[in-house]
Protein backbone atom coordinates (compact mmCIF):
# COMPACT_ATOMS: atom_id res chain seq x y z
CA MET A 1 22.57 -3.63 34.73
CA SER A 2 22.17 -0.09 35.99
CA ALA A 3 21.91 2.70 33.46
CA ASN A 4 24.31 5.64 33.48
CA SER A 5 24.41 9.07 31.87
CA SER A 6 25.81 7.72 28.60
CA MET A 7 22.90 5.40 27.93
CA MET A 8 19.14 5.20 28.09
CA LYS A 9 16.56 2.41 28.05
CA ILE A 10 13.91 2.74 25.34
CA ASN A 11 10.99 0.67 24.12
CA VAL A 12 11.81 -1.47 21.09
CA GLU A 13 9.03 0.33 19.17
CA GLU A 14 11.08 3.54 19.43
CA LEU A 15 14.31 2.09 18.05
CA GLU A 16 15.69 3.68 14.89
CA SER A 17 18.42 2.63 12.53
CA GLY A 18 21.78 4.14 13.41
CA MET A 19 21.24 3.85 17.16
CA VAL A 20 24.01 1.97 19.01
CA THR A 21 23.40 -0.66 21.70
CA ALA A 22 24.87 0.26 25.10
CA ASP A 23 24.73 -3.32 26.39
CA ASN A 24 24.20 -6.84 25.07
CA VAL A 25 20.59 -7.52 24.02
CA ILE A 26 19.37 -10.78 25.56
CA GLU A 27 16.49 -12.93 24.30
CA PRO A 28 13.66 -12.78 26.86
CA GLY A 29 13.51 -15.82 29.13
CA THR A 30 16.95 -17.10 28.07
CA ASP A 31 20.64 -16.24 28.38
CA ARG A 32 21.06 -16.05 24.61
CA VAL A 33 22.77 -12.90 23.32
CA LEU A 34 20.92 -11.53 20.29
CA LEU A 35 23.04 -8.43 19.74
CA LEU A 36 26.36 -7.44 21.25
CA LYS A 37 27.11 -4.14 22.93
CA ASP A 38 28.17 -1.39 20.46
CA THR A 39 26.09 -2.85 17.61
CA VAL A 40 24.81 -0.24 15.14
CA LEU A 41 21.14 -1.08 14.62
CA ASP A 42 19.57 -1.44 11.19
CA SER A 43 15.99 -2.12 10.12
CA VAL A 44 16.38 -5.90 9.92
CA MET A 45 17.80 -6.11 13.44
CA ILE A 46 14.98 -3.95 14.78
CA PHE A 47 12.35 -6.00 12.95
CA ASN A 48 13.73 -9.24 14.40
CA LEU A 49 13.87 -7.83 17.94
CA LYS A 50 10.20 -6.84 17.72
CA GLU A 51 8.61 -9.55 15.60
CA ARG A 52 10.78 -12.62 16.13
CA TYR A 53 12.15 -12.33 19.65
CA ASN A 54 9.55 -10.09 21.35
CA VAL A 55 12.18 -7.93 23.03
CA GLY A 56 10.57 -5.18 25.09
CA GLU A 57 13.28 -2.64 25.88
CA VAL A 58 16.88 -2.01 24.83
CA TYR A 59 19.70 0.06 26.31
CA ILE A 60 21.15 2.41 23.71
CA LYS A 61 23.90 5.01 23.78
CA LYS A 62 22.54 8.52 24.08
CA ALA A 63 24.90 10.19 21.66
CA PHE A 64 25.33 9.02 18.10
CA SER A 65 26.54 11.38 15.40
CA ALA A 66 25.09 11.49 11.90
CA SER A 67 28.65 11.78 10.61
CA THR A 68 29.35 8.24 11.87
CA ILE A 69 26.32 6.68 10.20
CA SER A 70 27.23 4.56 7.20
CA GLN A 71 25.65 4.89 3.77
CA GLU A 72 23.38 1.97 4.66
CA MET A 73 22.09 3.87 7.68
CA ARG A 74 21.51 6.99 5.59
CA THR A 75 19.50 4.85 3.20
CA GLU A 76 17.45 3.58 6.12
CA ILE A 77 16.79 7.13 7.30
CA ASN A 78 15.62 8.00 3.76
CA ILE A 79 13.16 5.08 3.90
CA HIS A 80 11.88 6.23 7.29
CA GLN A 81 11.39 9.76 5.97
CA SER A 82 9.68 8.44 2.84
CA LEU A 83 7.21 6.45 4.93
CA SER A 84 6.42 9.51 7.03
CA THR A 85 5.90 11.64 3.93
CA LEU A 86 3.59 9.10 2.30
CA LYS A 87 1.52 8.90 5.47
CA ASN A 88 1.07 12.68 5.31
CA VAL A 89 0.13 12.54 1.62
CA PHE A 90 -2.19 9.51 1.72
CA GLY A 91 -3.47 9.60 5.27
CA SER A 92 -4.41 6.35 6.98
CA ASP A 93 -7.12 4.14 5.53
CA GLU A 94 -9.39 5.09 8.42
CA ASP A 95 -9.30 8.79 7.44
CA LYS A 96 -12.00 10.38 5.31
CA PRO A 97 -11.77 9.36 1.63
CA LEU A 98 -9.62 11.58 -0.58
CA THR A 99 -11.38 13.89 -3.01
CA ASP A 100 -8.35 15.85 -4.25
CA PHE A 101 -4.61 15.49 -4.74
CA SER A 102 -2.79 18.79 -4.28
CA LYS A 103 0.25 20.29 -6.00
CA GLU A 104 2.07 20.18 -2.67
CA ALA A 105 1.35 16.46 -2.40
CA SER A 106 2.84 16.02 -5.89
CA LYS A 107 6.03 17.78 -4.80
CA GLN A 108 6.32 15.47 -1.82
CA ILE A 109 5.86 12.38 -4.01
CA THR A 110 8.60 13.67 -6.34
CA ASN A 111 10.94 14.09 -3.39
CA VAL A 112 10.21 10.57 -2.16
CA ALA A 113 10.87 9.16 -5.66
CA ASN A 114 14.18 11.01 -5.85
CA ASP A 115 15.23 9.71 -2.43
CA LEU A 116 14.28 6.11 -3.23
CA ILE A 117 16.14 6.05 -6.54
CA THR A 118 19.21 7.65 -4.98
CA SER A 119 19.07 5.10 -2.17
CA LEU A 120 18.71 2.21 -4.59
CA TYR A 121 21.80 3.14 -6.57
CA ALA A 122 23.77 3.72 -3.36
CA ASP A 123 22.69 0.58 -1.51
CA ASP A 124 21.91 -2.72 -3.23
CA ASN A 125 20.54 -4.06 0.07
CA ILE A 126 17.72 -1.51 0.15
CA LEU A 127 15.17 -4.32 -0.06
CA LEU A 128 16.11 -5.55 3.39
CA LYS A 129 14.40 -2.40 4.65
CA MET A 130 11.08 -3.71 3.39
CA HIS A 131 10.83 -6.01 6.43
CA GLN A 132 10.40 -2.94 8.59
CA LEU A 133 7.41 -1.84 6.54
CA GLN A 134 5.35 -5.03 6.92
CA SER A 135 2.97 -5.18 9.86
CA TYR A 136 -0.63 -5.94 10.71
CA ASP A 137 -1.57 -2.25 10.38
CA ASP A 138 -0.71 -2.55 6.71
CA TYR A 139 -2.06 0.73 5.40
CA THR A 140 -2.21 1.64 1.72
CA TYR A 141 0.72 4.05 2.00
CA LYS A 142 3.00 1.31 3.39
CA HIS A 143 2.04 -1.04 0.56
CA CYS A 144 2.71 1.69 -2.00
CA LEU A 145 6.19 2.34 -0.61
CA ARG A 146 7.08 -1.35 -0.72
CA VAL A 147 5.76 -1.68 -4.27
CA ALA A 148 7.83 1.35 -5.30
CA MET A 149 10.96 -0.15 -3.75
CA MET A 150 10.38 -3.42 -5.59
CA SER A 151 9.43 -1.74 -8.86
CA VAL A 152 12.59 0.35 -9.07
CA THR A 153 14.66 -2.74 -8.22
CA ILE A 154 13.02 -4.62 -11.10
CA GLY A 155 13.53 -1.55 -13.31
CA LYS A 156 17.22 -1.53 -12.45
CA SER A 157 17.44 -5.24 -13.30
CA LEU A 158 15.80 -4.47 -16.67
CA GLY A 159 18.28 -1.66 -17.34
CA LEU A 160 15.76 1.18 -17.44
CA PRO A 161 17.34 4.64 -17.90
CA ARG A 162 17.30 6.95 -14.89
CA ASN A 163 14.49 9.19 -16.22
CA LYS A 164 12.22 6.18 -16.78
CA MET A 165 13.10 4.94 -13.31
CA HIS A 166 11.75 8.19 -11.88
CA ASP A 167 8.45 7.83 -13.76
CA LEU A 168 8.25 4.20 -12.63
CA CYS A 169 8.87 5.15 -9.01
CA GLU A 170 6.27 7.93 -9.00
CA ALA A 171 3.67 5.68 -10.63
CA ALA A 172 4.38 2.87 -8.15
CA LEU A 173 4.11 5.25 -5.19
CA LEU A 174 0.75 6.41 -6.51
CA HIS A 175 -0.61 3.17 -7.98
CA ASP A 176 -3.17 2.62 -5.20
CA LEU A 177 -4.00 6.28 -4.59
CA GLY A 178 -7.51 5.52 -5.86
CA LYS A 179 -8.12 3.16 -2.93
CA ARG A 180 -8.18 6.22 -0.69
CA THR A 181 -11.38 7.30 -2.46
CA ILE A 182 -13.21 4.13 -1.38
CA ASP A 183 -15.11 3.51 1.86
CA VAL A 184 -12.73 2.22 4.54
CA ASP A 185 -15.19 -0.52 5.53
CA ILE A 186 -14.67 -2.08 2.11
CA ILE A 187 -10.89 -1.60 2.07
CA ARG A 188 -10.39 -3.16 5.51
CA LYS A 189 -13.12 -5.81 5.33
CA PRO A 190 -11.74 -9.10 6.75
CA GLY A 191 -14.13 -11.40 4.89
CA ARG A 192 -15.13 -12.04 1.29
CA LEU A 193 -16.35 -8.98 -0.64
CA THR A 194 -19.82 -8.87 -2.12
CA ASP A 195 -20.16 -8.31 -5.87
CA ASP A 196 -21.01 -4.64 -5.28
CA GLU A 197 -18.05 -4.17 -2.93
CA PHE A 198 -15.67 -5.77 -5.40
CA ALA A 199 -17.08 -3.55 -8.17
CA ALA A 200 -16.23 -0.53 -5.98
CA ILE A 201 -12.69 -1.83 -5.40
CA LYS A 202 -12.20 -2.33 -9.14
CA LYS A 203 -12.78 1.39 -9.67
CA HIS A 204 -9.64 2.39 -7.77
CA PRO A 205 -7.28 2.44 -10.81
CA GLN A 206 -9.62 4.83 -12.63
CA ASN A 207 -10.18 6.90 -9.49
CA GLY A 208 -6.43 7.28 -9.02
CA TYR A 209 -5.98 8.19 -12.68
CA LEU A 210 -8.68 10.87 -12.43
CA LEU A 211 -7.14 12.37 -9.28
CA LEU A 212 -3.77 12.67 -11.03
CA ARG A 213 -5.31 14.10 -14.21
CA LYS A 214 -7.18 16.67 -12.12
CA ASN A 215 -3.88 17.54 -10.42
CA GLY A 216 -2.34 18.29 -13.83
CA GLY A 217 1.24 17.59 -12.81
CA TYR A 218 1.81 14.11 -14.20
CA THR A 219 2.83 12.66 -17.55
CA GLU A 220 0.54 10.32 -19.47
CA GLU A 221 3.07 7.54 -18.83
CA VAL A 222 2.76 7.89 -15.05
CA MET A 223 -1.03 8.24 -15.13
CA ASN A 224 -1.47 5.29 -17.50
CA ALA A 225 0.70 3.10 -15.26
CA VAL A 226 -1.63 3.92 -12.36
CA LEU A 227 -4.67 3.21 -14.54
CA MET A 228 -3.35 -0.12 -15.89
CA HIS A 229 -1.66 -1.74 -12.89
CA HIS A 230 -4.46 -4.36 -12.58
CA GLU A 231 -4.47 -5.32 -16.25
CA LYS A 232 -3.26 -8.86 -17.01
CA PHE A 233 -1.00 -9.89 -19.87
CA ASP A 234 -3.67 -12.22 -21.29
CA GLY A 235 -6.38 -9.55 -21.26
CA THR A 236 -8.37 -10.82 -18.26
CA GLY A 237 -7.56 -7.89 -15.96
CA TYR A 238 -9.34 -4.61 -15.26
CA PRO A 239 -10.50 -1.87 -15.77
CA LEU A 240 -9.99 -1.94 -19.56
CA GLY A 241 -9.25 -5.58 -20.37
CA LEU A 242 -6.01 -4.69 -22.14
CA LYS A 243 -3.44 -7.34 -23.03
CA GLY A 244 0.20 -7.70 -24.03
CA GLY A 245 1.77 -4.58 -25.47
CA GLN A 246 -1.45 -2.61 -24.98
CA ILE A 247 -0.45 -2.38 -21.31
CA THR A 248 2.27 0.20 -20.74
CA TYR A 249 5.69 -1.15 -19.80
CA LEU A 250 5.73 0.66 -16.46
CA ALA A 251 2.33 -0.78 -15.55
CA ARG A 252 3.58 -4.29 -16.35
CA ILE A 253 6.47 -3.81 -13.92
CA ILE A 254 4.24 -2.41 -11.17
CA THR A 255 1.80 -5.32 -11.61
CA VAL A 256 4.54 -7.81 -10.75
CA ALA A 257 5.65 -5.87 -7.67
CA ASP A 258 2.05 -5.25 -6.58
CA VAL A 259 0.99 -8.90 -6.71
CA TYR A 260 4.17 -10.15 -5.01
CA ASP A 261 3.78 -7.67 -2.15
CA ALA A 262 0.10 -8.53 -1.74
CA LEU A 263 0.89 -12.24 -1.50
CA THR A 264 3.73 -11.86 1.02
CA SER A 265 2.05 -9.27 3.27
CA ASN A 266 -0.41 -9.66 6.11
CA ARG A 267 -4.03 -9.25 5.10
CA PRO A 268 -7.16 -9.09 7.30
CA TYR A 269 -8.43 -12.28 5.67
CA ARG A 270 -5.24 -14.43 5.48
CA GLN A 271 -1.65 -14.99 6.60
CA PRO A 272 1.21 -13.98 4.27
CA TRP A 273 2.58 -16.48 1.78
CA SER A 274 6.21 -17.56 2.04
CA VAL A 275 8.68 -16.10 -0.45
CA ALA A 276 9.00 -19.47 -2.19
CA GLU A 277 5.22 -19.93 -2.46
CA ALA A 278 4.78 -16.43 -3.85
CA GLU A 279 7.58 -16.76 -6.39
CA GLU A 280 6.28 -20.13 -7.57
CA PHE A 281 2.89 -18.50 -8.15
CA MET A 282 4.55 -15.63 -10.03
CA MET A 283 6.47 -18.01 -12.28
CA GLY A 284 3.26 -19.90 -13.00
CA GLY A 285 1.65 -16.64 -14.14
CA ALA A 286 4.33 -15.69 -16.69
CA ASN A 287 2.74 -14.85 -20.08
CA SER A 288 -0.78 -15.09 -18.63
CA HIS A 289 -0.99 -12.69 -15.69
CA PHE A 290 2.50 -11.22 -16.17
CA ASP A 291 5.00 -10.24 -18.87
CA TYR A 292 7.52 -13.11 -19.06
CA ASP A 293 10.59 -10.86 -19.43
CA ILE A 294 9.60 -8.81 -16.39
CA ILE A 295 9.02 -11.96 -14.34
CA MET A 296 12.54 -13.11 -15.24
CA ALA A 297 13.96 -9.75 -14.17
CA PHE A 298 11.93 -9.95 -10.96
CA LEU A 299 13.20 -13.44 -10.14
CA ASN A 300 16.76 -12.33 -10.85
CA ALA A 301 16.38 -9.43 -8.42
CA PHE A 302 14.42 -11.35 -5.77
CA ALA A 303 16.01 -14.79 -5.64
CA PRO A 304 14.39 -16.43 -2.58
CA TYR A 305 17.61 -18.23 -1.70
CA PRO A 306 20.63 -15.95 -2.19
CA VAL A 307 24.08 -17.48 -2.64
CA GLY A 308 25.46 -18.38 0.79
CA GLU A 309 21.99 -18.80 2.37
CA ASN A 310 21.68 -21.70 4.83
CA VAL A 311 18.68 -23.93 4.11
CA LEU A 312 16.89 -27.01 5.41
CA LEU A 313 16.00 -29.77 2.93
CA SER A 314 12.90 -31.93 2.70
CA ASP A 315 14.90 -35.00 3.78
CA GLY A 316 16.08 -33.29 6.98
CA ARG A 317 19.60 -32.44 5.83
CA LYS A 318 21.18 -29.00 5.86
CA ALA A 319 22.78 -27.25 2.90
CA VAL A 320 24.12 -23.94 1.65
CA ILE A 321 23.18 -22.22 -1.63
CA VAL A 322 26.01 -22.30 -4.19
CA SER A 323 24.34 -20.68 -7.21
CA ASN A 324 20.90 -20.04 -8.70
CA ASN A 325 19.30 -21.62 -11.76
CA THR A 326 16.66 -20.22 -14.12
CA ASN A 327 14.17 -21.81 -11.74
CA VAL A 328 15.19 -19.90 -8.62
CA LEU A 329 13.31 -22.36 -6.41
CA ARG A 330 15.69 -25.16 -7.49
CA PRO A 331 19.23 -23.80 -7.02
CA VAL A 332 22.60 -25.53 -6.82
CA ILE A 333 23.30 -26.52 -3.22
CA LYS A 334 26.14 -28.00 -1.20
CA ILE A 335 25.23 -30.47 1.52
CA VAL A 336 26.63 -29.74 4.98
CA ASN A 337 27.30 -32.90 6.96
CA ALA A 338 26.39 -33.36 10.63
CA SER A 339 30.05 -32.79 11.52
CA GLY A 340 29.94 -29.40 9.81
CA SER A 341 32.11 -30.54 6.88
CA GLU A 342 31.03 -29.94 3.29
CA GLY A 343 29.38 -32.77 1.40
CA GLU A 344 28.28 -33.29 -2.19
CA THR A 345 27.09 -30.54 -4.53
CA ILE A 346 23.59 -31.06 -5.94
CA ASP A 347 21.92 -29.23 -8.83
CA LEU A 348 18.25 -29.40 -7.81
CA TYR A 349 17.11 -28.26 -11.26
CA ASN A 350 19.27 -30.38 -13.57
CA ASP A 351 20.10 -33.48 -11.47
CA PHE A 352 17.01 -35.54 -12.24
CA LYS A 353 17.72 -38.15 -9.56
CA TYR A 354 16.98 -35.40 -7.02
CA LEU A 355 13.55 -34.43 -8.37
CA THR A 356 11.89 -35.30 -5.06
CA LEU A 357 14.41 -33.34 -2.98
CA SER A 358 13.43 -29.75 -2.26
CA ILE A 359 14.22 -26.84 0.00
CA LYS A 360 11.86 -26.90 2.96
CA ALA A 361 12.86 -23.65 4.67
CA VAL A 362 15.60 -21.16 5.32
CA ASP A 363 17.78 -22.25 8.27
CA ARG A 364 17.30 -19.17 10.46
CA ASP A 365 19.66 -20.47 13.14
CA GLY A 366 22.51 -21.06 10.72
CA ILE A 367 24.38 -24.24 9.98
CA SER A 368 26.25 -25.93 12.76
CA GLY A 369 27.63 -29.36 13.47
CA GLU A 370 24.76 -30.15 15.82
CA ASN A 371 21.76 -32.23 14.79
């Protein structure tokens, strides 16, 4: 098509939530329509265009008013602003190591925490925005933002009061601040760390704690959460070897979010784990690595197969999620027959005759009557 004055063609890397498509978006090399004209873009759509379909350029409408952007889009803009602010505060991992954390940086962190908590209470789908934050240039500040988003979601599931949520969010945003005091060659090393390199890495909770104490603007609860986020519930963590209730509650929440994000993100030395693999690992670590109650709240907030999700089964059949069990990897499903009609309902957790049947993957193309 030929562009006109009401539209412009931009690189997919420059797309932002709230922009409106001026023409259908077609999958490269096919005639398949990915997005229709007049679609309001969000972070998940943009992520899929870039990472799944390798779309290069998109026609968008030139004029779009902030007054027409939904609450979801405003949330997305808040996330974008938060990411930009954290980059300014932390710097990239390739920058010189941090030696100080200023009062101005503290104010910016407070603003980000306020925005994230406001966004969470306004938009339960805030976690969809995390897809936009995962990439191969996975800098510390991106990880910290994702961990904060997950931590406050777990906190909400646990019923934390709003003031505790703010402390939790600030601590999560700052939990890896100490990594910015360590040589970048160690942080970004693609291979196995030497004993000395790992010893340096293990100092980052204390380094972050000391930066915040030097700053003077943080409560003991926030600083201790930063200090203790690598402690394990059974006492085998670091730097202090604390266990159980000796580890502050906020630190126990951040630990769960931190490990889950690390497992499901790209790393220089490995590919990301699937959601199901990561959650199975998390469940296996309840009462050893993690606080059991927090793991249950986490699984409640991050069910890998939401109700209504289309899935593929290990025997080749298709199904849809009906409800979740305590074991979120074994939900109640309804079989969808080849004709598209609904089949039997199966409880993968409680129907023992189906012990060998499992969910193989999410059906990204949706359920249809075609084989």
